[in-house]
C-alpha atoms as a PDB file:
ATOM      1  CA  MET A   1      12.187   7.684  -8.221  1.00  0.00           C
ATOM      2  CA  SER A   2      13.848   5.121  -6.902  1.00  0.00           C
ATOM      3  CA  ALA A   3      13.015   4.872  -2.950  1.00  0.00           C
ATOM      4  CA  ALA A   4      15.637   4.435   0.056  1.00  0.00           C
ATOM      5  CA  GLU A   5      14.827   1.073   0.146  1.00  0.00           C
ATOM      6  CA  SER A   6      15.636  -2.227  -1.721  1.00  0.00           C
ATOM      7  CA  GLY A   7      16.186  -5.936  -1.646  1.00  0.00           C
ATOM      8  CA  ALA A   8      18.588  -8.080  -3.564  1.00  0.00           C
ATOM      9  CA  GLU A   9      16.936  -8.526  -6.436  1.00  0.00           C
ATOM     10  CA  TRP A  10      13.972  -5.522  -6.059  1.00  0.00           C
ATOM     11  CA  GLU A  11      13.903  -2.047  -5.674  1.00  0.00           C
ATOM     12  CA  LEU A  12      10.715   0.087  -4.853  1.00  0.00           C
ATOM     13  CA  ARG A  13      10.085   3.113  -7.135  1.00  0.00           C
ATOM     14  CA  TYR A  14       7.543   6.019  -6.995  1.00  0.00           C
ATOM     15  CA  ILE A  15       4.918   5.305 -10.477  1.00  0.00           C
ATOM     16  CA  GLU A  16       2.285   7.844 -12.083  1.00  0.00           C
ATOM     17  CA  PRO A  17      -0.855   7.033 -13.705  1.00  0.00           C
ATOM     18  CA  GLY A  18      -0.973   6.651 -17.550  1.00  0.00           C
ATOM     19  CA  THR A  19       2.489   4.607 -17.570  1.00  0.00           C
ATOM     20  CA  PRO A  20       2.994   0.901 -18.200  1.00  0.00           C
ATOM     21  CA  GLU A  21       4.737   0.869 -14.820  1.00  0.00           C
ATOM     22  CA  TYR A  22       1.433   1.811 -13.452  1.00  0.00           C
ATOM     23  CA  ALA A  23      -0.755  -0.507 -15.548  1.00  0.00           C
ATOM     24  CA  GLN A  24       1.262  -3.644 -14.535  1.00  0.00           C
ATOM     25  CA  ALA A  25       0.754  -2.028 -10.975  1.00  0.00           C
ATOM     26  CA  ALA A  26      -3.714  -2.298 -11.379  1.00  0.00           C
ATOM     27  CA  GLU A  27      -3.125  -5.732 -12.643  1.00  0.00           C
ATOM     28  CA  LEU A  28      -1.490  -7.159  -9.700  1.00  0.00           C
ATOM     29  CA  ARG A  29      -4.062  -5.191  -7.935  1.00  0.00           C
ATOM     30  CA  TYR A  30      -6.706  -6.734  -9.417  1.00  0.00           C
ATOM     31  CA  GLU A  31      -4.935 -10.265  -9.018  1.00  0.00           C
ATOM     32  CA  MET A  32      -3.950  -9.968  -5.388  1.00  0.00           C
ATOM     33  CA  LEU A  33      -6.800  -8.136  -3.749  1.00  0.00           C
ATOM     34  CA  TYR A  34      -9.966  -8.809  -6.386  1.00  0.00           C
ATOM     35  CA  ALA A  35      -9.947 -11.522  -8.965  1.00  0.00           C
ATOM     36  CA  HIS A  36     -10.280 -14.464  -6.184  1.00  0.00           C
ATOM     37  CA  LEU A  37     -13.511 -12.704  -5.167  1.00  0.00           C
ATOM     38  CA  GLY A  38     -15.000 -12.674  -8.336  1.00  0.00           C
ATOM     39  CA  LEU A  39     -15.294  -9.005  -8.030  1.00  0.00           C
ATOM     40  CA  PRO A  40     -15.308  -6.415 -11.399  1.00  0.00           C
ATOM     41  CA  ARG A  41     -11.794  -5.476 -13.188  1.00  0.00           C
ATOM     42  CA  SER A  42     -13.218  -1.837 -12.737  1.00  0.00           C
ATOM     43  CA  LEU A  43     -12.476  -2.052  -8.735  1.00  0.00           C
ATOM     44  CA  ILE A  44      -9.140  -1.081  -9.622  1.00  0.00           C
ATOM     45  CA  GLU A  45     -10.021   2.357 -11.199  1.00  0.00           C
ATOM     46  CA  ASP A  46      -8.828   5.017  -9.677  1.00  0.00           C
ATOM     47  CA  SER A  47     -12.311   7.086  -9.900  1.00  0.00           C
ATOM     48  CA  ASP A  48     -12.862   8.315  -6.558  1.00  0.00           C
ATOM     49  CA  GLY A  49     -11.779  11.361  -7.554  1.00  0.00           C
ATOM     50  CA  ARG A  50      -8.696  11.685  -5.254  1.00  0.00           C
ATOM     51  CA  ARG A  51      -5.171  11.775  -6.037  1.00  0.00           C
ATOM     52  CA  TYR A  52      -2.896   9.315  -4.560  1.00  0.00           C
ATOM     53  CA  VAL A  53       0.722   8.638  -4.465  1.00  0.00           C
ATOM     54  CA  HIS A  54       1.690   5.162  -5.789  1.00  0.00           C
ATOM     55  CA  ILE A  55       4.870   3.116  -5.172  1.00  0.00           C
ATOM     56  CA  ALA A  56       5.455  -0.069  -6.658  1.00  0.00           C
ATOM     57  CA  ALA A  57       8.359  -2.872  -5.669  1.00  0.00           C
ATOM     58  CA  PHE A  58      10.628  -3.941  -8.868  1.00  0.00           C
ATOM     59  CA  GLU A  59      12.097  -7.245  -9.963  1.00  0.00           C
ATOM     60  CA  ASP A  60      13.996  -6.097 -13.246  1.00  0.00           C
ATOM     61  CA  GLU A  61      11.279  -4.183 -15.061  1.00  0.00           C
ATOM     62  CA  ARG A  62       8.485  -6.313 -13.455  1.00  0.00           C
ATOM     63  CA  VAL A  63       5.986  -4.997 -10.814  1.00  0.00           C
ATOM     64  CA  VAL A  64       5.712  -7.437  -8.251  1.00  0.00           C
ATOM     65  CA  GLY A  65       4.306  -5.272  -4.773  1.00  0.00           C
ATOM     66  CA  TYR A  66       2.382  -2.221  -4.561  1.00  0.00           C
ATOM     67  CA  ALA A  67       0.899   0.216  -2.631  1.00  0.00           C
ATOM     68  CA  ARG A  68      -0.463   3.729  -2.324  1.00  0.00           C
ATOM     69  CA  ILE A  69      -1.276   6.717   0.140  1.00  0.00           C
ATOM     70  CA  HIS A  70      -4.245   9.415   0.277  1.00  0.00           C
ATOM     71  CA  LEU A  71      -2.444  12.811   1.378  1.00  0.00           C
ATOM     72  CA  GLU A  72      -4.459  15.469   0.311  1.00  0.00           C
ATOM     73  CA  GLY A  73      -6.618  17.161   3.176  1.00  0.00           C
ATOM     74  CA  GLY A  74      -5.703  15.728   6.535  1.00  0.00           C
ATOM     75  CA  ASP A  75      -5.927  12.473   5.460  1.00  0.00           C
ATOM     76  CA  SER A  76      -2.873   9.798   5.629  1.00  0.00           C
ATOM     77  CA  GLN A  77      -4.712   6.585   4.638  1.00  0.00           C
ATOM     78  CA  VAL A  78      -2.746   3.690   2.724  1.00  0.00           C
ATOM     79  CA  TYR A  79      -4.900   1.631   0.216  1.00  0.00           C
ATOM     80  CA  GLN A  80      -4.561  -1.757  -1.763  1.00  0.00           C
ATOM     81  CA  VAL A  81      -1.189  -2.697  -0.522  1.00  0.00           C
ATOM     82  CA  CYS A  82      -0.439  -6.172  -2.040  1.00  0.00           C
ATOM     83  CA  VAL A  83       2.668  -8.653  -3.723  1.00  0.00           C
ATOM     84  CA  GLY A  84       2.619 -11.393  -5.992  1.00  0.00           C
ATOM     85  CA  GLU A  85       1.907 -14.482  -4.215  1.00  0.00           C
ATOM     86  CA  ASP A  86       5.694 -16.231  -5.521  1.00  0.00           C
ATOM     87  CA  ARG A  87       7.101 -12.981  -4.184  1.00  0.00           C
ATOM     88  CA  ARG A  88       5.854 -13.148  -0.412  1.00  0.00           C
ATOM     89  CA  GLY A  89       7.967 -13.438   2.664  1.00  0.00           C
ATOM     90  CA  LEU A  90      11.300 -11.105   0.566  1.00  0.00           C
ATOM     91  CA  GLY A  91      10.321  -8.039   3.023  1.00  0.00           C
ATOM     92  CA  MET A  92       8.656  -6.282   0.177  1.00  0.00           C
ATOM     93  CA  ALA A  93       4.916  -5.349   1.998  1.00  0.00           C
ATOM     94  CA  SER A  94       7.229  -4.069   5.326  1.00  0.00           C
ATOM     95  CA  ALA A  95       9.394  -1.852   2.222  1.00  0.00           C
ATOM     96  CA  LEU A  96       6.452  -0.245   1.244  1.00  0.00           C
ATOM     97  CA  MET A  97       4.930   0.393   4.064  1.00  0.00           C
ATOM     98  CA  ARG A  98       8.039   2.205   5.235  1.00  0.00           C
ATOM     99  CA  GLU A  99       8.060   4.135   2.613  1.00  0.00           C
ATOM    100  CA  LEU A 100       4.638   5.595   2.584  1.00  0.00           C
ATOM    101  CA  ALA A 101       5.353   6.409   6.624  1.00  0.00           C
ATOM    102  CA  SER A 102       8.696   8.101   5.593  1.00  0.00           C
ATOM    103  CA  LEU A 103       6.448  10.202   2.484  1.00  0.00           C
ATOM    104  CA  ALA A 104       3.714  10.802   5.138  1.00  0.00           C
ATOM    105  CA  VAL A 105       6.812  12.548   7.744  1.00  0.00           C
ATOM    106  CA  ARG A 106       8.015  14.317   4.676  1.00  0.00           C
ATOM    107  CA  LYS A 107       4.364  16.036   4.062  1.00  0.00           C
ATOM    108  CA  GLY A 108       4.451  16.829   7.987  1.00  0.00           C
ATOM    109  CA  ARG A 109       2.001  14.278   8.886  1.00  0.00           C
ATOM    110  CA  THR A 110       2.181  12.937  12.548  1.00  0.00           C
ATOM    111  CA  GLU A 111      -0.437   9.566  12.028  1.00  0.00           C
ATOM    112  CA  ILE A 112      -1.403   7.128   8.879  1.00  0.00           C
ATOM    113  CA  SER A 113      -3.993   5.113   8.577  1.00  0.00           C
ATOM    114  CA  LEU A 114      -5.498   2.080   7.008  1.00  0.00           C
ATOM    115  CA  HIS A 115      -8.348  -0.312   6.604  1.00  0.00           C
ATOM    116  CA  ALA A 116      -6.765  -4.011   6.763  1.00  0.00           C
ATOM    117  CA  ARG A 117      -8.851  -7.306   5.001  1.00  0.00           C
ATOM    118  CA  THR A 118      -8.741  -8.955   9.023  1.00  0.00           C
ATOM    119  CA  HIS A 119      -6.259 -12.122   8.022  1.00  0.00           C
ATOM    120  CA  ALA A 120      -4.012  -9.083   7.415  1.00  0.00           C
ATOM    121  CA  ILE A 121      -4.342  -7.073  11.162  1.00  0.00           C
ATOM    122  CA  GLY A 122      -1.162  -9.544  12.632  1.00  0.00           C
ATOM    123  CA  PHE A 123       1.289  -7.979   9.503  1.00  0.00           C
ATOM    124  CA  TYR A 124       0.461  -4.539  10.486  1.00  0.00           C
ATOM    125  CA  GLU A 125       0.427  -4.878  13.672  1.00  0.00           C
ATOM    126  CA  LYS A 126       4.433  -6.017  13.809  1.00  0.00           C
ATOM    127  CA  LEU A 127       4.987  -2.729  11.640  1.00  0.00           C
ATOM    128  CA  GLY A 128       3.490  -0.732  14.824  1.00  0.00           C
ATOM    129  CA  PHE A 129      -0.655  -0.245  13.381  1.00  0.00           C
ATOM    130  CA  ALA A 130      -2.898  -0.701  15.851  1.00  0.00           C
ATOM    131  CA  ALA A 131      -6.517  -1.849  15.442  1.00  0.00           C
ATOM    132  CA  GLU A 132      -9.606  -0.064  16.768  1.00  0.00           C
ATOM    133  CA  GLY A 133     -12.878  -0.084  16.419  1.00  0.00           C
ATOM    134  CA  GLU A 134     -15.218  -2.993  15.490  1.00  0.00           C
ATOM    135  CA  GLU A 135     -14.802  -4.924  12.343  1.00  0.00           C
ATOM    136  CA  PHE A 136     -16.754  -4.038   9.390  1.00  0.00           C
ATOM    137  CA  LEU A 137     -17.091  -4.889   6.066  1.00  0.00           C
ATOM    138  CA  SER A 138     -15.790  -3.525   2.985  1.00  0.00           C
ATOM    139  CA  PRO A 139     -18.077  -1.619   0.811  1.00  0.00           C
ATOM    140  CA  ARG A 140     -16.187  -2.778  -2.205  1.00  0.00           C
ATOM    141  CA  THR A 141     -15.147  -5.870  -1.911  1.00  0.00           C
ATOM    142  CA  GLY A 142     -17.374  -7.231   1.182  1.00  0.00           C
ATOM    143  CA  THR A 143     -14.356  -9.082   2.990  1.00  0.00           C
ATOM    144  CA  PRO A 144     -13.933  -8.147   7.004  1.00  0.00           C
ATOM    145  CA  HIS A 145     -11.973  -5.098   7.825  1.00  0.00           C
ATOM    146  CA  ARG A 146     -10.419  -3.295  10.741  1.00  0.00           C
ATOM    147  CA  VAL A 147      -9.663   0.597  11.248  1.00  0.00           C
ATOM    148  CA  MET A 148      -5.686   0.631  11.875  1.00  0.00           C
ATOM    149  CA  ARG A 149      -3.374   3.606  13.042  1.00  0.00           C
ATOM    150  CA  ARG A 150      -0.019   4.276  12.948  1.00  0.00           C
ATOM    151  CA  PRO A 151       1.558   7.312  14.649  1.00  0.00           C
ATOM    152  CA  LEU A 152       4.652   8.489  12.829  1.00  0.00           C
ATOM    153  CA  ALA A 153       7.925  10.593  14.095  1.00  0.00           C
ATOM    154  CA  VAL A 154      11.142  11.572  12.675  1.00  0.00           C
ATOM    155  CA  ASP A 155      12.786   8.419  12.850  1.00  0.00           C
ATOM    156  CA  ASP A 156      10.406   7.120  10.215  1.00  0.00           C
ATOM    157  CA  VAL A 157      12.170   9.144   7.645  1.00  0.00           C
ATOM    158  CA  ARG A 158      14.307   6.900   5.698  1.00  0.00           C
ATOM    159  CA  LEU A 159      17.463   8.503   3.986  1.00  0.00           C
ATOM    160  CA  GLY A 160      18.558   7.779   0.346  1.00  0.00           C
END
């Protein structure tokens, strides 16, 4: 399924665990979020028992961006947003976030949240998120994070 948004050379698609596309996304997640910190590859495993909706940005059939959202219970939390270093600045991360916001609205949610690495706070603020609470160290990575939240509205629903 293609998402409603794409760039000149890329498109968004929902992906499922157990597929070759998901394996590519897992590798991208590791390279962009954990490898440079010397952390184990096992951190990319979905071993917490939650179900996520996964979306990826593709150039041809190559995964170059990724994000996921947890929408069970009252939770609407985004996790592991990343874009390959050679593809940053093309709007992929913003498009991934807009699609997840649209999905959350379609599922009846009124807010989405995330735990942002402190260096990424400015990016999320441009998308309407507000930081709250004190900085904390992620138990997974040991890197500084802040909780961020963004209210959702019907305007967030993407058409197409």
